[in-house]
Every structure is written in C-alpha cells, then in structure tokens.
Amino acid sequence: MTHSITGKVAAALCIMLALSSCGNTIRGVGKDMAGTVDATQNASHRVGNAAAK
C-alpha cells in the first residue's frame, strides 16, 4: 500500500518538475524573440536614417 502512494507522489513530483522546466524554457524563448524583434527594428531605423542623408 505505501509503495503505491510513494510511487504516485514521486510521479507527481517528477511531472511538476518537468512542467516547471518547460515554463522557464518558453519564457526564455519569448524574451529571445522580443530581443530579435527589437534588434531588427533598430537596424531598419539605422538603414532608413542612413538612406535619408
């Protein structure tokens, strides 16, 4: 009986750990994408300013 409960608790902890890791990865990808968009916009503004001169 206790092996069954212990196994279920261990499985639940493993699942929670895996899900929290996925959340951190998704958050990091979102930050990377935002940085890429900002860099692209900045580069386009610099090109536009250089062409206007």
PDB file of N, CA and C in Angstrom:
ATOM      1  N   MET A   1       0.826  -1.186   0.000  1.00  0.00           N
ATOM      2  CA  MET A   1       0.000   0.000   0.000  1.00  0.00           C
ATOM      3  C   MET A   1       0.874   1.256   0.000  1.00  0.00           C
ATOM      4  N   THR A   2       1.885   1.322   0.863  1.00  0.00           N
ATOM      5  CA  THR A   2       2.713   2.524   0.929  1.00  0.00           C
ATOM      6  C   THR A   2       3.567   2.687  -0.316  1.00  0.00           C
ATOM      7  N   HIS A   3       3.924   1.577  -0.970  1.00  0.00           N
ATOM      8  CA  HIS A   3       4.694   1.674  -2.214  1.00  0.00           C
ATOM      9  C   HIS A   3       3.857   2.362  -3.299  1.00  0.00           C
ATOM     10  N   SER A   4       2.585   2.084  -3.323  1.00  0.00           N
ATOM     11  CA  SER A   4       1.694   2.672  -4.315  1.00  0.00           C
ATOM     12  C   SER A   4       1.582   4.184  -4.097  1.00  0.00           C
ATOM     13  N   ILE A   5       1.410   4.612  -2.875  1.00  0.00           N
ATOM     14  CA  ILE A   5       1.296   6.037  -2.555  1.00  0.00           C
ATOM     15  C   ILE A   5       2.626   6.739  -2.821  1.00  0.00           C
ATOM     16  N   THR A   6       3.713   6.128  -2.417  1.00  0.00           N
ATOM     17  CA  THR A   6       5.038   6.709  -2.641  1.00  0.00           C
ATOM     18  C   THR A   6       5.315   6.857  -4.132  1.00  0.00           C
ATOM     19  N   GLY A   7       4.952   5.875  -4.901  1.00  0.00           N
ATOM     20  CA  GLY A   7       5.138   5.935  -6.347  1.00  0.00           C
ATOM     21  C   GLY A   7       4.324   7.045  -6.984  1.00  0.00           C
ATOM     22  N   LYS A   8       3.096   7.208  -6.536  1.00  0.00           N
ATOM     23  CA  LYS A   8       2.236   8.266  -7.073  1.00  0.00           C
ATOM     24  C   LYS A   8       2.772   9.648  -6.716  1.00  0.00           C
ATOM     25  N   VAL A   9       3.252   9.805  -5.498  1.00  0.00           N
ATOM     26  CA  VAL A   9       3.812  11.088  -5.069  1.00  0.00           C
ATOM     27  C   VAL A   9       5.083  11.384  -5.866  1.00  0.00           C
ATOM     28  N   ALA A  10       5.935  10.392  -6.049  1.00  0.00           N
ATOM     29  CA  ALA A  10       7.164  10.587  -6.817  1.00  0.00           C
ATOM     30  C   ALA A  10       6.847  10.935  -8.269  1.00  0.00           C
ATOM     31  N   ALA A  11       5.864  10.283  -8.854  1.00  0.00           N
ATOM     32  CA  ALA A  11       5.473  10.579 -10.234  1.00  0.00           C
ATOM     33  C   ALA A  11       4.921  11.995 -10.344  1.00  0.00           C
ATOM     34  N   ALA A  12       4.118  12.401  -9.374  1.00  0.00           N
ATOM     35  CA  ALA A  12       3.561  13.755  -9.386  1.00  0.00           C
ATOM     36  C   ALA A  12       4.669  14.795  -9.272  1.00  0.00           C
ATOM     37  N   LEU A  13       5.654  14.552  -8.432  1.00  0.00           N
ATOM     38  CA  LEU A  13       6.772  15.489  -8.295  1.00  0.00           C
ATOM     39  C   LEU A  13       7.586  15.588  -9.575  1.00  0.00           C
ATOM     40  N   CYS A  14       7.803  14.450 -10.232  1.00  0.00           N
ATOM     41  CA  CYS A  14       8.537  14.452 -11.500  1.00  0.00           C
ATOM     42  C   CYS A  14       7.784  15.227 -12.573  1.00  0.00           C
ATOM     43  N   ILE A  15       6.482  15.062 -12.626  1.00  0.00           N
ATOM     44  CA  ILE A  15       5.672  15.777 -13.608  1.00  0.00           C
ATOM     45  C   ILE A  15       5.702  17.280 -13.334  1.00  0.00           C
ATOM     46  N   MET A  16       5.596  17.671 -12.079  1.00  0.00           N
ATOM     47  CA  MET A  16       5.635  19.094 -11.733  1.00  0.00           C
ATOM     48  C   MET A  16       6.991  19.702 -12.086  1.00  0.00           C
ATOM     49  N   LEU A  17       8.057  18.977 -11.855  1.00  0.00           N
ATOM     50  CA  LEU A  17       9.395  19.459 -12.201  1.00  0.00           C
ATOM     51  C   LEU A  17       9.529  19.642 -13.712  1.00  0.00           C
ATOM     52  N   ALA A  18       9.044  18.682 -14.464  1.00  0.00           N
ATOM     53  CA  ALA A  18       9.121  18.767 -15.931  1.00  0.00           C
ATOM     54  C   ALA A  18       8.309  19.945 -16.448  1.00  0.00           C
ATOM     55  N   LEU A  19       7.127  20.156 -15.909  1.00  0.00           N
ATOM     56  CA  LEU A  19       6.286  21.267 -16.360  1.00  0.00           C
ATOM     57  C   LEU A  19       6.893  22.615 -16.002  1.00  0.00           C
ATOM     58  N   SER A  20       7.512  22.725 -14.840  1.00  0.00           N
ATOM     59  CA  SER A  20       8.135  24.000 -14.473  1.00  0.00           C
ATOM     60  C   SER A  20       9.339  24.283 -15.366  1.00  0.00           C
ATOM     61  N   SER A  21      10.050  23.258 -15.768  1.00  0.00           N
ATOM     62  CA  SER A  21      11.173  23.441 -16.692  1.00  0.00           C
ATOM     63  C   SER A  21      10.683  23.926 -18.046  1.00  0.00           C
ATOM     64  N   CYS A  22       9.585  23.384 -18.510  1.00  0.00           N
ATOM     65  CA  CYS A  22       9.019  23.818 -19.796  1.00  0.00           C
ATOM     66  C   CYS A  22       8.588  25.278 -19.721  1.00  0.00           C
ATOM     67  N   GLY A  23       8.014  25.674 -18.612  1.00  0.00           N
ATOM     68  CA  GLY A  23       7.587  27.065 -18.451  1.00  0.00           C
ATOM     69  C   GLY A  23       8.756  28.019 -18.517  1.00  0.00           C
ATOM     70  N   ASN A  24       9.861  27.671 -17.901  1.00  0.00           N
ATOM     71  CA  ASN A  24      11.044  28.529 -17.939  1.00  0.00           C
ATOM     72  C   ASN A  24      11.606  28.607 -19.352  1.00  0.00           C
ATOM     73  N   THR A  25      11.586  27.505 -20.069  1.00  0.00           N
ATOM     74  CA  THR A  25      12.097  27.494 -21.439  1.00  0.00           C
ATOM     75  C   THR A  25      11.236  28.366 -22.340  1.00  0.00           C
ATOM     76  N   ILE A  26       9.938  28.264 -22.212  1.00  0.00           N
ATOM     77  CA  ILE A  26       9.024  29.061 -23.032  1.00  0.00           C
ATOM     78  C   ILE A  26       9.198  30.539 -22.726  1.00  0.00           C
ATOM     79  N   ARG A  27       9.371  30.875 -21.463  1.00  0.00           N
ATOM     80  CA  ARG A  27       9.592  32.274 -21.076  1.00  0.00           C
ATOM     81  C   ARG A  27      10.895  32.792 -21.687  1.00  0.00           C
ATOM     82  N   GLY A  28      11.925  31.981 -21.675  1.00  0.00           N
ATOM     83  CA  GLY A  28      13.208  32.376 -22.252  1.00  0.00           C
ATOM     84  C   GLY A  28      13.133  32.569 -23.755  1.00  0.00           C
ATOM     85  N   VAL A  29      12.393  31.706 -24.428  1.00  0.00           N
ATOM     86  CA  VAL A  29      12.223  31.845 -25.880  1.00  0.00           C
ATOM     87  C   VAL A  29      11.474  33.132 -26.179  1.00  0.00           C
ATOM     88  N   GLY A  30      10.493  33.459 -25.380  1.00  0.00           N
ATOM     89  CA  GLY A  30       9.753  34.707 -25.573  1.00  0.00           C
ATOM     90  C   GLY A  30      10.650  35.921 -25.445  1.00  0.00           C
ATOM     91  N   LYS A  31      11.545  35.910 -24.461  1.00  0.00           N
ATOM     92  CA  LYS A  31      12.485  37.023 -24.290  1.00  0.00           C
ATOM     93  C   LYS A  31      13.451  37.109 -25.473  1.00  0.00           C
ATOM     94  N   ASP A  32      13.917  35.965 -25.951  1.00  0.00           N
ATOM     95  CA  ASP A  32      14.819  35.947 -27.105  1.00  0.00           C
ATOM     96  C   ASP A  32      14.127  36.504 -28.342  1.00  0.00           C
ATOM     97  N   MET A  33      12.884  36.120 -28.555  1.00  0.00           N
ATOM     98  CA  MET A  33      12.141  36.611 -29.719  1.00  0.00           C
ATOM     99  C   MET A  33      11.922  38.123 -29.621  1.00  0.00           C
ATOM    100  N   ALA A  34      11.623  38.619 -28.432  1.00  0.00           N
ATOM    101  CA  ALA A  34      11.433  40.058 -28.254  1.00  0.00           C
ATOM    102  C   ALA A  34      12.735  40.800 -28.547  1.00  0.00           C
ATOM    103  N   GLY A  35      13.845  40.252 -28.122  1.00  0.00           N
ATOM    104  CA  GLY A  35      15.141  40.858 -28.398  1.00  0.00           C
ATOM    105  C   GLY A  35      15.455  40.875 -29.886  1.00  0.00           C
ATOM    106  N   THR A  36      15.079  39.817 -30.578  1.00  0.00           N
ATOM    107  CA  THR A  36      15.297  39.747 -32.029  1.00  0.00           C
ATOM    108  C   THR A  36      14.461  40.795 -32.746  1.00  0.00           C
ATOM    109  N   VAL A  37      13.228  40.958 -32.345  1.00  0.00           N
ATOM    110  CA  VAL A  37      12.351  41.959 -32.962  1.00  0.00           C
ATOM    111  C   VAL A  37      12.915  43.359 -32.721  1.00  0.00           C
ATOM    112  N   ASP A  38      13.346  43.634 -31.494  1.00  0.00           N
ATOM    113  CA  ASP A  38      13.916  44.952 -31.186  1.00  0.00           C
ATOM    114  C   ASP A  38      15.166  45.225 -32.020  1.00  0.00           C
ATOM    115  N   ALA A  39      16.032  44.251 -32.154  1.00  0.00           N
ATOM    116  CA  ALA A  39      17.264  44.424 -32.928  1.00  0.00           C
ATOM    117  C   ALA A  39      16.947  44.658 -34.402  1.00  0.00           C
ATOM    118  N   THR A  40      15.973  43.949 -34.931  1.00  0.00           N
ATOM    119  CA  THR A  40      15.583  44.127 -36.330  1.00  0.00           C
ATOM    120  C   THR A  40      15.008  45.519 -36.560  1.00  0.00           C
ATOM    121  N   GLN A  41      14.183  45.984 -35.642  1.00  0.00           N
ATOM    122  CA  GLN A  41      13.604  47.319 -35.775  1.00  0.00           C
ATOM    123  C   GLN A  41      14.685  48.393 -35.692  1.00  0.00           C
ATOM    124  N   ASN A  42      15.616  48.230 -34.771  1.00  0.00           N
ATOM    125  CA  ASN A  42      16.702  49.198 -34.645  1.00  0.00           C
ATOM    126  C   ASN A  42      17.547  49.238 -35.912  1.00  0.00           C
ATOM    127  N   ALA A  43      17.831  48.082 -36.480  1.00  0.00           N
ATOM    128  CA  ALA A  43      18.630  48.032 -37.702  1.00  0.00           C
ATOM    129  C   ALA A  43      17.889  48.705 -38.850  1.00  0.00           C
ATOM    130  N   SER A  44      16.591  48.504 -38.948  1.00  0.00           N
ATOM    131  CA  SER A  44      15.832  49.134 -40.033  1.00  0.00           C
ATOM    132  C   SER A  44      15.792  50.645 -39.865  1.00  0.00           C
ATOM    133  N   HIS A  45      15.722  51.128 -38.637  1.00  0.00           N
ATOM    134  CA  HIS A  45      15.752  52.575 -38.401  1.00  0.00           C
ATOM    135  C   HIS A  45      17.127  53.157 -38.795  1.00  0.00           C
ATOM    136  N   ARG A  46      18.176  52.444 -38.473  1.00  0.00           N
ATOM    137  CA  ARG A  46      19.520  52.929 -38.837  1.00  0.00           C
ATOM    138  C   ARG A  46      19.696  52.970 -40.351  1.00  0.00           C
ATOM    139  N   VAL A  47      19.194  51.963 -41.047  1.00  0.00           N
ATOM    140  CA  VAL A  47      19.286  51.942 -42.503  1.00  0.00           C
ATOM    141  C   VAL A  47      18.465  53.082 -43.095  1.00  0.00           C
ATOM    142  N   GLY A  48      17.264  53.291 -42.547  1.00  0.00           N
ATOM    143  CA  GLY A  48      16.411  54.375 -43.032  1.00  0.00           C
ATOM    144  C   GLY A  48      17.048  55.733 -42.814  1.00  0.00           C
ATOM    145  N   ASN A  49      17.677  55.924 -41.666  1.00  0.00           N
ATOM    146  CA  ASN A  49      18.351  57.202 -41.375  1.00  0.00           C
ATOM    147  C   ASN A  49      19.560  57.398 -42.280  1.00  0.00           C
ATOM    148  N   ALA A  50      20.296  56.336 -42.557  1.00  0.00           N
ATOM    149  CA  ALA A  50      21.465  56.450 -43.425  1.00  0.00           C
ATOM    150  C   ALA A  50      21.040  56.758 -44.863  1.00  0.00           C
ATOM    151  N   ALA A  51      19.926  56.207 -45.305  1.00  0.00           N
ATOM    152  CA  ALA A  51      19.444  56.436 -46.664  1.00  0.00           C
ATOM    153  C   ALA A  51      18.906  57.866 -46.816  1.00  0.00           C
ATOM    154  N   ALA A  52      18.406  58.446 -45.724  1.00  0.00           N
ATOM    155  CA  ALA A  52      17.841  59.789 -45.775  1.00  0.00           C
ATOM    156  C   ALA A  52      18.918  60.852 -45.879  1.00  0.00           C
ATOM    157  N   LYS A  53      20.135  60.533 -45.533  1.00  0.00           N
ATOM    158  CA  LYS A  53      21.225  61.525 -45.552  1.00  0.00           C
ATOM    159  C   LYS A  53      21.697  61.823 -46.920  1.00  0.00           C
TER     160      LYS A  53
END
